[in-house]
N, C-alpha and C. Protein backbone atom coordinates (compact mmCIF):
# COMPACT_ATOMS: atom_id res chain seq x y z
N MET A 1 107.01 109.15 75.06
CA MET A 1 107.02 108.19 76.16
C MET A 1 105.63 108.22 76.83
N ASN A 2 105.03 107.07 76.99
CA ASN A 2 103.70 107.06 77.61
C ASN A 2 103.80 107.13 79.13
N LEU A 3 102.66 107.41 79.74
CA LEU A 3 102.59 107.65 81.18
C LEU A 3 103.05 106.44 82.00
N ILE A 4 102.62 105.25 81.59
CA ILE A 4 102.97 104.04 82.34
C ILE A 4 104.48 103.82 82.31
N LYS A 5 105.10 104.01 81.15
CA LYS A 5 106.55 103.83 81.04
C LYS A 5 107.29 104.86 81.89
N MET A 6 106.78 106.08 81.90
CA MET A 6 107.40 107.13 82.70
C MET A 6 107.32 106.80 84.19
N PHE A 7 106.15 106.29 84.64
CA PHE A 7 105.99 105.89 86.05
C PHE A 7 106.97 104.77 86.40
N LYS A 8 107.13 103.82 85.48
CA LYS A 8 108.01 102.69 85.77
C LYS A 8 109.46 103.12 85.87
N ILE A 9 109.86 104.06 85.04
CA ILE A 9 111.24 104.53 85.10
C ILE A 9 111.50 105.28 86.41
N ALA A 10 110.60 106.18 86.77
CA ALA A 10 110.80 107.00 87.96
C ALA A 10 110.36 106.30 89.24
N ASN A 11 109.52 105.30 89.12
CA ASN A 11 108.88 104.63 90.25
C ASN A 11 108.35 105.66 91.26
N ILE A 12 107.37 106.40 90.79
CA ILE A 12 106.74 107.48 91.55
C ILE A 12 106.27 107.01 92.93
N PRO A 13 105.65 105.81 93.06
CA PRO A 13 105.22 105.38 94.40
C PRO A 13 106.37 105.35 95.41
N ASN A 14 107.54 104.83 95.01
CA ASN A 14 108.68 104.80 95.93
C ASN A 14 109.17 106.21 96.24
N LEU A 15 109.14 107.08 95.25
CA LEU A 15 109.55 108.47 95.48
C LEU A 15 108.60 109.15 96.46
N LEU A 16 107.30 108.87 96.35
CA LEU A 16 106.33 109.44 97.29
C LEU A 16 106.57 108.94 98.70
N THR A 17 106.90 107.68 98.83
CA THR A 17 107.20 107.12 100.15
C THR A 17 108.44 107.78 100.75
N LEU A 18 109.48 107.93 99.94
CA LEU A 18 110.70 108.60 100.42
C LEU A 18 110.42 110.05 100.79
N LEU A 19 109.61 110.72 99.99
CA LEU A 19 109.25 112.11 100.28
C LEU A 19 108.51 112.19 101.61
N ARG A 20 107.62 111.23 101.87
CA ARG A 20 106.87 111.20 103.13
C ARG A 20 107.84 111.09 104.31
N ILE A 21 108.85 110.25 104.18
CA ILE A 21 109.83 110.10 105.26
C ILE A 21 110.63 111.40 105.45
N LEU A 22 110.97 112.06 104.36
CA LEU A 22 111.74 113.31 104.45
C LEU A 22 110.93 114.46 105.03
N ILE A 23 109.61 114.40 104.87
CA ILE A 23 108.73 115.46 105.39
C ILE A 23 108.58 115.35 106.91
N ILE A 24 108.71 114.17 107.47
CA ILE A 24 108.45 113.93 108.90
C ILE A 24 109.29 114.84 109.80
N PRO A 25 110.61 114.95 109.61
CA PRO A 25 111.37 115.85 110.50
C PRO A 25 110.92 117.31 110.39
N VAL A 26 110.50 117.70 109.21
CA VAL A 26 110.01 119.08 109.02
C VAL A 26 108.73 119.28 109.82
N ILE A 27 107.83 118.30 109.77
CA ILE A 27 106.58 118.37 110.55
C ILE A 27 106.91 118.48 112.03
N ILE A 28 107.86 117.69 112.49
CA ILE A 28 108.23 117.70 113.91
C ILE A 28 108.75 119.08 114.31
N VAL A 29 109.64 119.64 113.51
CA VAL A 29 110.19 120.96 113.82
C VAL A 29 109.07 122.00 113.84
N LEU A 30 108.18 121.95 112.88
CA LEU A 30 107.07 122.91 112.83
C LEU A 30 106.16 122.78 114.05
N LEU A 31 105.95 121.55 114.51
CA LEU A 31 105.12 121.34 115.70
C LEU A 31 105.80 121.84 116.97
N GLU A 32 107.11 121.80 116.98
CA GLU A 32 107.84 122.26 118.15
C GLU A 32 107.82 123.79 118.29
N ILE A 33 107.61 124.49 117.19
CA ILE A 33 107.54 125.95 117.25
C ILE A 33 106.12 126.31 117.67
N ASP A 34 105.99 126.98 118.77
CA ASP A 34 104.67 127.30 119.32
C ASP A 34 104.11 128.56 118.65
N ASP A 35 103.62 128.36 117.42
CA ASP A 35 103.10 129.48 116.66
C ASP A 35 101.97 128.97 115.76
N VAL A 36 100.93 129.77 115.64
CA VAL A 36 99.75 129.40 114.86
C VAL A 36 100.13 129.08 113.42
N PHE A 37 100.91 129.94 112.79
CA PHE A 37 101.29 129.75 111.38
C PHE A 37 102.02 128.42 111.18
N TYR A 38 102.97 128.12 112.06
CA TYR A 38 103.76 126.89 111.91
C TYR A 38 102.93 125.64 112.15
N ARG A 39 101.94 125.73 113.03
CA ARG A 39 101.04 124.58 113.21
C ARG A 39 100.22 124.32 111.95
N TRP A 40 99.77 125.41 111.31
CA TRP A 40 99.03 125.23 110.05
C TRP A 40 99.95 124.65 108.97
N MET A 41 101.20 125.10 108.95
CA MET A 41 102.16 124.54 107.99
C MET A 41 102.40 123.05 108.28
N ALA A 42 102.49 122.71 109.57
CA ALA A 42 102.64 121.31 109.95
C ALA A 42 101.44 120.49 109.47
N LEU A 43 100.24 121.06 109.63
CA LEU A 43 99.04 120.36 109.17
C LEU A 43 99.06 120.17 107.66
N VAL A 44 99.48 121.18 106.92
CA VAL A 44 99.55 121.06 105.46
C VAL A 44 100.50 119.93 105.07
N LEU A 45 101.69 119.93 105.66
CA LEU A 45 102.67 118.88 105.34
C LEU A 45 102.20 117.50 105.81
N TYR A 46 101.58 117.46 106.98
CA TYR A 46 101.03 116.21 107.50
C TYR A 46 99.95 115.68 106.54
N SER A 47 99.10 116.58 106.07
CA SER A 47 98.03 116.19 105.14
C SER A 47 98.63 115.66 103.84
N LEU A 48 99.67 116.33 103.33
CA LEU A 48 100.34 115.85 102.12
C LEU A 48 100.96 114.46 102.35
N ALA A 49 101.53 114.26 103.53
CA ALA A 49 102.09 112.95 103.85
C ALA A 49 101.00 111.88 103.88
N CYS A 50 99.86 112.22 104.46
CA CYS A 50 98.73 111.27 104.52
C CYS A 50 98.20 110.96 103.12
N ILE A 51 98.08 111.99 102.30
CA ILE A 51 97.61 111.80 100.92
C ILE A 51 98.61 110.94 100.14
N SER A 52 99.90 111.20 100.35
CA SER A 52 100.91 110.41 99.64
C SER A 52 100.85 108.95 100.06
N ASP A 53 100.42 108.68 101.29
CA ASP A 53 100.26 107.29 101.76
C ASP A 53 99.23 106.57 100.90
N PHE A 54 98.12 107.25 100.65
CA PHE A 54 97.09 106.65 99.79
C PHE A 54 97.59 106.57 98.35
N LEU A 55 98.18 107.65 97.88
CA LEU A 55 98.54 107.78 96.48
C LEU A 55 99.63 106.80 96.06
N ASP A 56 100.63 106.59 96.91
CA ASP A 56 101.71 105.68 96.50
C ASP A 56 101.20 104.25 96.32
N GLY A 57 100.34 103.80 97.22
CA GLY A 57 99.77 102.46 97.07
C GLY A 57 98.88 102.34 95.86
N TYR A 58 98.05 103.36 95.64
CA TYR A 58 97.15 103.37 94.49
C TYR A 58 97.95 103.31 93.18
N LEU A 59 98.96 104.17 93.07
CA LEU A 59 99.76 104.21 91.84
C LEU A 59 100.54 102.92 91.64
N ALA A 60 101.06 102.36 92.73
CA ALA A 60 101.82 101.11 92.62
C ALA A 60 100.94 99.98 92.09
N ARG A 61 99.70 99.90 92.58
CA ARG A 61 98.79 98.85 92.11
C ARG A 61 98.31 99.14 90.68
N LYS A 62 97.92 100.38 90.42
CA LYS A 62 97.35 100.73 89.12
C LYS A 62 98.35 100.54 87.98
N PHE A 63 99.60 100.93 88.20
CA PHE A 63 100.60 100.86 87.15
C PHE A 63 101.56 99.68 87.33
N GLU A 64 101.17 98.74 88.20
CA GLU A 64 101.95 97.52 88.46
C GLU A 64 103.40 97.86 88.79
N LEU A 65 103.56 98.75 89.76
CA LEU A 65 104.88 99.20 90.19
C LEU A 65 105.22 98.72 91.60
N GLU A 66 104.50 97.72 92.07
CA GLU A 66 104.79 97.22 93.41
C GLU A 66 106.20 96.64 93.43
N SER A 67 106.93 96.99 94.47
CA SER A 67 108.32 96.53 94.56
C SER A 67 108.60 96.08 95.99
N SER A 68 109.66 95.30 96.13
CA SER A 68 110.07 94.87 97.47
C SER A 68 110.43 96.08 98.31
N PHE A 69 111.10 97.04 97.70
CA PHE A 69 111.49 98.27 98.40
C PHE A 69 110.25 99.00 98.91
N GLY A 70 109.23 99.12 98.08
CA GLY A 70 107.99 99.80 98.46
C GLY A 70 107.23 99.05 99.53
N ARG A 71 107.17 97.72 99.39
CA ARG A 71 106.48 96.91 100.41
C ARG A 71 107.18 97.01 101.76
N PHE A 72 108.50 97.17 101.72
CA PHE A 72 109.26 97.32 102.96
C PHE A 72 109.11 98.73 103.54
N LEU A 73 109.29 99.75 102.72
CA LEU A 73 109.40 101.11 103.22
C LEU A 73 108.05 101.78 103.50
N ASP A 74 107.02 101.48 102.73
CA ASP A 74 105.73 102.16 102.90
C ASP A 74 105.16 101.99 104.31
N PRO A 75 105.05 100.77 104.84
CA PRO A 75 104.52 100.65 106.21
C PRO A 75 105.41 101.32 107.26
N ILE A 76 106.72 101.30 107.02
CA ILE A 76 107.63 101.96 107.96
C ILE A 76 107.38 103.47 107.95
N ALA A 77 107.23 104.03 106.76
CA ALA A 77 106.97 105.48 106.64
C ALA A 77 105.69 105.85 107.37
N ASP A 78 104.66 105.04 107.21
CA ASP A 78 103.37 105.31 107.88
C ASP A 78 103.54 105.30 109.40
N LYS A 79 104.24 104.31 109.89
CA LYS A 79 104.40 104.18 111.34
C LYS A 79 105.26 105.30 111.90
N ILE A 80 106.33 105.65 111.19
CA ILE A 80 107.17 106.77 111.65
C ILE A 80 106.35 108.05 111.71
N LEU A 81 105.52 108.28 110.70
CA LEU A 81 104.69 109.49 110.67
C LEU A 81 103.74 109.53 111.87
N VAL A 82 102.98 108.47 112.05
CA VAL A 82 101.97 108.44 113.12
C VAL A 82 102.62 108.50 114.50
N VAL A 83 103.62 107.67 114.73
CA VAL A 83 104.26 107.62 116.05
C VAL A 83 104.96 108.94 116.36
N SER A 84 105.63 109.52 115.38
CA SER A 84 106.31 110.80 115.60
C SER A 84 105.33 111.90 115.98
N VAL A 85 104.24 111.99 115.26
CA VAL A 85 103.25 113.03 115.55
C VAL A 85 102.63 112.80 116.93
N ILE A 86 102.32 111.55 117.25
CA ILE A 86 101.76 111.25 118.58
C ILE A 86 102.75 111.66 119.68
N PHE A 87 104.01 111.30 119.53
CA PHE A 87 105.01 111.64 120.55
C PHE A 87 105.14 113.15 120.72
N ILE A 88 105.19 113.89 119.62
CA ILE A 88 105.34 115.34 119.71
C ILE A 88 104.09 115.96 120.34
N LEU A 89 102.91 115.46 119.98
CA LEU A 89 101.68 116.01 120.56
C LEU A 89 101.59 115.71 122.05
N ILE A 90 102.10 114.57 122.49
CA ILE A 90 102.15 114.27 123.92
C ILE A 90 103.19 115.18 124.59
N SER A 91 104.33 115.31 123.95
CA SER A 91 105.40 116.15 124.49
C SER A 91 104.95 117.60 124.67
N ASN A 92 104.13 118.08 123.74
CA ASN A 92 103.63 119.46 123.79
C ASN A 92 102.32 119.57 124.57
N THR A 93 101.95 118.53 125.28
CA THR A 93 100.71 118.42 126.06
C THR A 93 99.45 118.78 125.28
N VAL A 94 99.46 118.47 123.99
CA VAL A 94 98.23 118.55 123.21
C VAL A 94 97.40 117.30 123.51
N ILE A 95 98.09 116.16 123.53
CA ILE A 95 97.46 114.92 123.99
C ILE A 95 97.88 114.76 125.45
N TYR A 96 96.90 114.69 126.34
CA TYR A 96 97.20 114.63 127.77
C TYR A 96 96.09 113.86 128.50
N GLY A 97 96.34 113.63 129.78
CA GLY A 97 95.34 112.96 130.62
C GLY A 97 95.03 111.56 130.13
N ILE A 98 93.77 111.19 130.23
CA ILE A 98 93.37 109.83 129.84
C ILE A 98 93.51 109.58 128.34
N PHE A 99 93.67 110.65 127.56
CA PHE A 99 93.78 110.48 126.11
C PHE A 99 95.17 110.03 125.68
N ILE A 100 96.10 109.96 126.64
CA ILE A 100 97.40 109.37 126.35
C ILE A 100 97.24 107.87 126.11
N TYR A 101 96.27 107.24 126.77
CA TYR A 101 96.09 105.79 126.64
C TYR A 101 95.63 105.37 125.25
N PRO A 102 94.68 106.04 124.61
CA PRO A 102 94.38 105.68 123.22
C PRO A 102 95.61 105.84 122.31
N ALA A 103 96.39 106.91 122.56
CA ALA A 103 97.61 107.11 121.77
C ALA A 103 98.60 105.97 122.01
N LEU A 104 98.72 105.54 123.26
CA LEU A 104 99.61 104.43 123.60
C LEU A 104 99.17 103.15 122.91
N ILE A 105 97.88 102.89 122.89
CA ILE A 105 97.35 101.69 122.21
C ILE A 105 97.75 101.70 120.74
N ILE A 106 97.63 102.85 120.11
CA ILE A 106 97.97 102.97 118.69
C ILE A 106 99.47 102.72 118.48
N VAL A 107 100.30 103.28 119.33
CA VAL A 107 101.76 103.10 119.21
C VAL A 107 102.13 101.64 119.43
N ILE A 108 101.56 101.00 120.44
CA ILE A 108 101.85 99.58 120.72
C ILE A 108 101.45 98.71 119.54
N ARG A 109 100.28 98.98 118.97
CA ARG A 109 99.82 98.20 117.82
C ARG A 109 100.78 98.37 116.64
N GLU A 110 101.26 99.60 116.42
CA GLU A 110 102.19 99.85 115.31
C GLU A 110 103.46 99.03 115.49
N ILE A 111 103.95 98.96 116.72
CA ILE A 111 105.17 98.19 117.00
C ILE A 111 104.92 96.70 116.81
N LEU A 112 103.80 96.20 117.32
CA LEU A 112 103.48 94.78 117.19
C LEU A 112 103.33 94.36 115.73
N VAL A 113 102.61 95.17 114.96
CA VAL A 113 102.40 94.84 113.55
C VAL A 113 103.72 94.88 112.79
N SER A 114 104.57 95.85 113.12
CA SER A 114 105.89 95.91 112.48
C SER A 114 106.70 94.65 112.79
N GLY A 115 106.65 94.23 114.04
CA GLY A 115 107.35 93.01 114.43
C GLY A 115 106.83 91.79 113.69
N LEU A 116 105.52 91.70 113.59
CA LEU A 116 104.93 90.57 112.85
C LEU A 116 105.31 90.58 111.39
N ARG A 117 105.26 91.77 110.78
CA ARG A 117 105.64 91.87 109.37
C ARG A 117 107.08 91.43 109.17
N ASP A 118 107.95 91.85 110.06
CA ASP A 118 109.36 91.47 109.96
C ASP A 118 109.52 89.96 110.14
N PHE A 119 108.82 89.40 111.12
CA PHE A 119 108.89 87.96 111.39
C PHE A 119 108.44 87.16 110.17
N PHE A 120 107.32 87.57 109.58
CA PHE A 120 106.77 86.80 108.47
C PHE A 120 107.41 87.13 107.13
N ALA A 121 108.19 88.19 107.07
CA ALA A 121 108.89 88.52 105.83
C ALA A 121 109.87 87.42 105.47
N HIS A 122 110.41 86.77 106.49
CA HIS A 122 111.38 85.70 106.26
C HIS A 122 110.70 84.40 105.82
N SER A 123 109.40 84.29 106.06
CA SER A 123 108.70 83.06 105.68
C SER A 123 108.02 83.19 104.32
N ARG A 124 108.13 84.37 103.70
CA ARG A 124 107.54 84.66 102.39
C ARG A 124 106.02 84.56 102.39
N GLU A 125 105.45 84.65 103.55
CA GLU A 125 104.00 84.68 103.69
C GLU A 125 103.52 86.13 103.63
N THR A 126 102.29 86.33 103.19
CA THR A 126 101.71 87.66 103.14
C THR A 126 100.70 87.80 104.26
N LEU A 127 100.87 88.83 105.06
CA LEU A 127 99.92 89.08 106.13
C LEU A 127 98.66 89.69 105.55
N LEU A 128 97.52 89.23 106.02
CA LEU A 128 96.24 89.73 105.53
C LEU A 128 95.86 91.00 106.30
N VAL A 129 95.39 91.98 105.56
CA VAL A 129 94.96 93.25 106.14
C VAL A 129 93.47 93.41 105.86
N THR A 130 92.74 93.98 106.81
CA THR A 130 91.30 94.16 106.63
C THR A 130 90.98 95.56 106.13
N ASN A 131 89.80 95.70 105.51
CA ASN A 131 89.34 97.03 105.09
C ASN A 131 89.09 97.91 106.32
N LEU A 132 88.70 97.30 107.42
CA LEU A 132 88.46 98.05 108.65
C LEU A 132 89.76 98.72 109.12
N SER A 133 90.89 98.08 108.88
CA SER A 133 92.18 98.68 109.23
C SER A 133 92.40 99.96 108.44
N LYS A 134 91.95 99.98 107.21
CA LYS A 134 92.10 101.19 106.39
C LYS A 134 91.24 102.32 106.94
N TRP A 135 90.04 101.98 107.40
CA TRP A 135 89.17 102.99 108.03
C TRP A 135 89.78 103.49 109.33
N LYS A 136 90.38 102.57 110.08
CA LYS A 136 91.05 102.94 111.32
C LYS A 136 92.16 103.94 111.05
N THR A 137 92.94 103.66 110.02
CA THR A 137 94.03 104.55 109.64
C THR A 137 93.50 105.92 109.23
N LEU A 138 92.42 105.95 108.48
CA LEU A 138 91.82 107.21 108.05
C LEU A 138 91.35 108.03 109.25
N ILE A 139 90.65 107.41 110.17
CA ILE A 139 90.17 108.11 111.38
C ILE A 139 91.36 108.58 112.21
N GLN A 140 92.35 107.74 112.35
CA GLN A 140 93.55 108.08 113.11
C GLN A 140 94.25 109.29 112.49
N MET A 141 94.39 109.31 111.18
CA MET A 141 95.06 110.41 110.51
C MET A 141 94.27 111.72 110.64
N PHE A 142 92.96 111.64 110.47
CA PHE A 142 92.12 112.84 110.63
C PHE A 142 92.21 113.36 112.07
N SER A 143 92.15 112.45 113.02
CA SER A 143 92.20 112.84 114.43
C SER A 143 93.49 113.57 114.76
N LEU A 144 94.61 113.03 114.29
CA LEU A 144 95.88 113.68 114.55
C LEU A 144 95.94 115.04 113.86
N GLY A 145 95.33 115.15 112.69
CA GLY A 145 95.26 116.44 112.01
C GLY A 145 94.51 117.47 112.83
N PHE A 146 93.37 117.07 113.41
CA PHE A 146 92.62 117.97 114.30
C PHE A 146 93.47 118.38 115.49
N LEU A 147 94.19 117.42 116.05
CA LEU A 147 95.00 117.71 117.24
C LEU A 147 96.18 118.63 116.91
N ILE A 148 96.73 118.50 115.71
CA ILE A 148 97.85 119.37 115.32
C ILE A 148 97.48 120.84 115.41
N VAL A 149 96.25 121.18 114.99
CA VAL A 149 95.85 122.60 114.97
C VAL A 149 94.89 122.96 116.10
N SER A 150 94.67 122.06 117.04
CA SER A 150 93.68 122.31 118.09
C SER A 150 94.01 123.53 118.93
N ASN A 151 95.29 123.84 119.13
CA ASN A 151 95.67 125.01 119.92
C ASN A 151 95.40 126.33 119.18
N ASN A 152 95.08 126.24 117.91
CA ASN A 152 94.83 127.45 117.12
C ASN A 152 93.42 127.99 117.29
N PHE A 153 92.61 127.31 118.07
CA PHE A 153 91.21 127.70 118.23
C PHE A 153 90.91 127.96 119.70
N GLU A 154 90.11 128.96 119.95
CA GLU A 154 89.70 129.23 121.33
C GLU A 154 88.72 128.18 121.81
N SER A 155 87.87 127.71 120.92
CA SER A 155 86.91 126.67 121.26
C SER A 155 87.65 125.34 121.43
N GLN A 156 87.20 124.55 122.35
CA GLN A 156 87.79 123.23 122.60
C GLN A 156 87.20 122.16 121.66
N LEU A 157 86.28 122.56 120.77
CA LEU A 157 85.61 121.61 119.90
C LEU A 157 86.60 120.83 119.02
N ILE A 158 87.57 121.52 118.45
CA ILE A 158 88.56 120.85 117.58
C ILE A 158 89.39 119.86 118.40
N LEU A 159 89.81 120.28 119.59
CA LEU A 159 90.58 119.40 120.47
C LEU A 159 89.79 118.14 120.81
N TYR A 160 88.55 118.31 121.23
CA TYR A 160 87.74 117.16 121.63
C TYR A 160 87.33 116.30 120.44
N THR A 161 87.21 116.91 119.27
CA THR A 161 86.97 116.11 118.06
C THR A 161 88.18 115.21 117.81
N GLY A 162 89.38 115.78 117.96
CA GLY A 162 90.60 114.98 117.81
C GLY A 162 90.69 113.88 118.85
N PHE A 163 90.37 114.22 120.11
CA PHE A 163 90.38 113.20 121.17
C PHE A 163 89.37 112.08 120.89
N PHE A 164 88.16 112.48 120.45
CA PHE A 164 87.12 111.49 120.16
C PHE A 164 87.59 110.56 119.04
N GLY A 165 88.13 111.14 117.96
CA GLY A 165 88.63 110.34 116.85
C GLY A 165 89.76 109.43 117.26
N LEU A 166 90.67 109.95 118.09
CA LEU A 166 91.79 109.14 118.58
C LEU A 166 91.29 107.96 119.41
N THR A 167 90.27 108.20 120.22
CA THR A 167 89.69 107.13 121.04
C THR A 167 89.02 106.08 120.16
N ILE A 168 88.24 106.54 119.18
CA ILE A 168 87.59 105.60 118.24
C ILE A 168 88.66 104.81 117.49
N ALA A 169 89.71 105.49 117.03
CA ALA A 169 90.79 104.80 116.31
C ALA A 169 91.46 103.76 117.20
N SER A 170 91.63 104.07 118.49
CA SER A 170 92.27 103.10 119.38
C SER A 170 91.37 101.88 119.62
N ILE A 171 90.07 102.10 119.70
CA ILE A 171 89.13 100.98 119.84
C ILE A 171 89.17 100.12 118.58
N MET A 172 89.18 100.80 117.42
CA MET A 172 89.28 100.06 116.15
C MET A 172 90.63 99.35 116.05
N THR A 173 91.67 99.94 116.63
CA THR A 173 93.00 99.33 116.64
C THR A 173 92.97 98.01 117.40
N ILE A 174 92.32 97.99 118.54
CA ILE A 174 92.20 96.76 119.31
C ILE A 174 91.42 95.72 118.51
N HIS A 175 90.30 96.16 117.94
CA HIS A 175 89.45 95.23 117.19
C HIS A 175 90.17 94.71 115.94
N THR A 176 90.78 95.61 115.16
CA THR A 176 91.47 95.16 113.95
C THR A 176 92.71 94.34 114.30
N GLY A 177 93.36 94.68 115.42
CA GLY A 177 94.50 93.88 115.87
C GLY A 177 94.09 92.45 116.16
N TYR A 178 92.93 92.29 116.81
CA TYR A 178 92.39 90.96 117.09
C TYR A 178 92.12 90.21 115.77
N ILE A 179 91.45 90.90 114.84
CA ILE A 179 91.15 90.29 113.53
C ILE A 179 92.45 89.94 112.81
N TYR A 180 93.41 90.85 112.85
CA TYR A 180 94.70 90.68 112.19
C TYR A 180 95.39 89.42 112.70
N PHE A 181 95.45 89.27 114.03
CA PHE A 181 96.10 88.09 114.61
C PHE A 181 95.31 86.82 114.30
N LYS A 182 94.00 86.91 114.38
CA LYS A 182 93.15 85.74 114.13
C LYS A 182 93.29 85.26 112.68
N LYS A 183 93.24 86.21 111.73
CA LYS A 183 93.35 85.84 110.31
C LYS A 183 94.73 85.30 109.97
N ASN A 184 95.75 85.78 110.65
CA ASN A 184 97.11 85.40 110.34
C ASN A 184 97.68 84.32 111.25
N LEU A 185 96.83 83.78 112.12
CA LEU A 185 97.26 82.75 113.06
C LEU A 185 97.84 81.53 112.35
N ARG A 186 97.31 81.25 111.16
CA ARG A 186 97.78 80.10 110.38
C ARG A 186 99.28 80.20 110.09
N LEU A 187 99.80 81.42 110.05
CA LEU A 187 101.21 81.61 109.72
C LEU A 187 102.14 81.20 110.86
N PHE A 188 101.59 81.08 112.07
CA PHE A 188 102.41 80.69 113.21
C PHE A 188 102.67 79.19 113.25
N LYS A 189 101.89 78.43 112.48
CA LYS A 189 101.99 76.98 112.52
C LYS A 189 103.14 76.46 111.69
């Protein structure tokens, strides 16, 4: 059996997406335990979830395994991961003060984009996504990774690196959100 046929039978991209969703509660539990080891474990699982986000899309396109199930579930998995981690980091006062606002911007954008995707799913139109959005996601994911383990260091450098990245990601979120709405405005007509 060749590799492509094996991928099609198992639909590895969808399995990776499901695995990402199943990892999220484990990450949350690990973040709730106030211990250095568990935070590092949370970071490892979070990193695997982020890598699987890239990998499932890549494999789906490369081996022509894109499916309605994957198109539906992949963005949901991404949003659940990001929003869950942000909420837990706020709850544990890792994200605090004025840095709650960049986190809030990211959460609001995730909700708005989900709503738009749902709205346009019924019209069979495809929403256009920009490459800048992919960079925003990458910066956002790295920033949250820094914040996950920021309490493990005596120096505040890791924490402020995470805050800086989160702020940049929120600015990019506003900009890409504007581009997203502008490019997709034709769908409202």
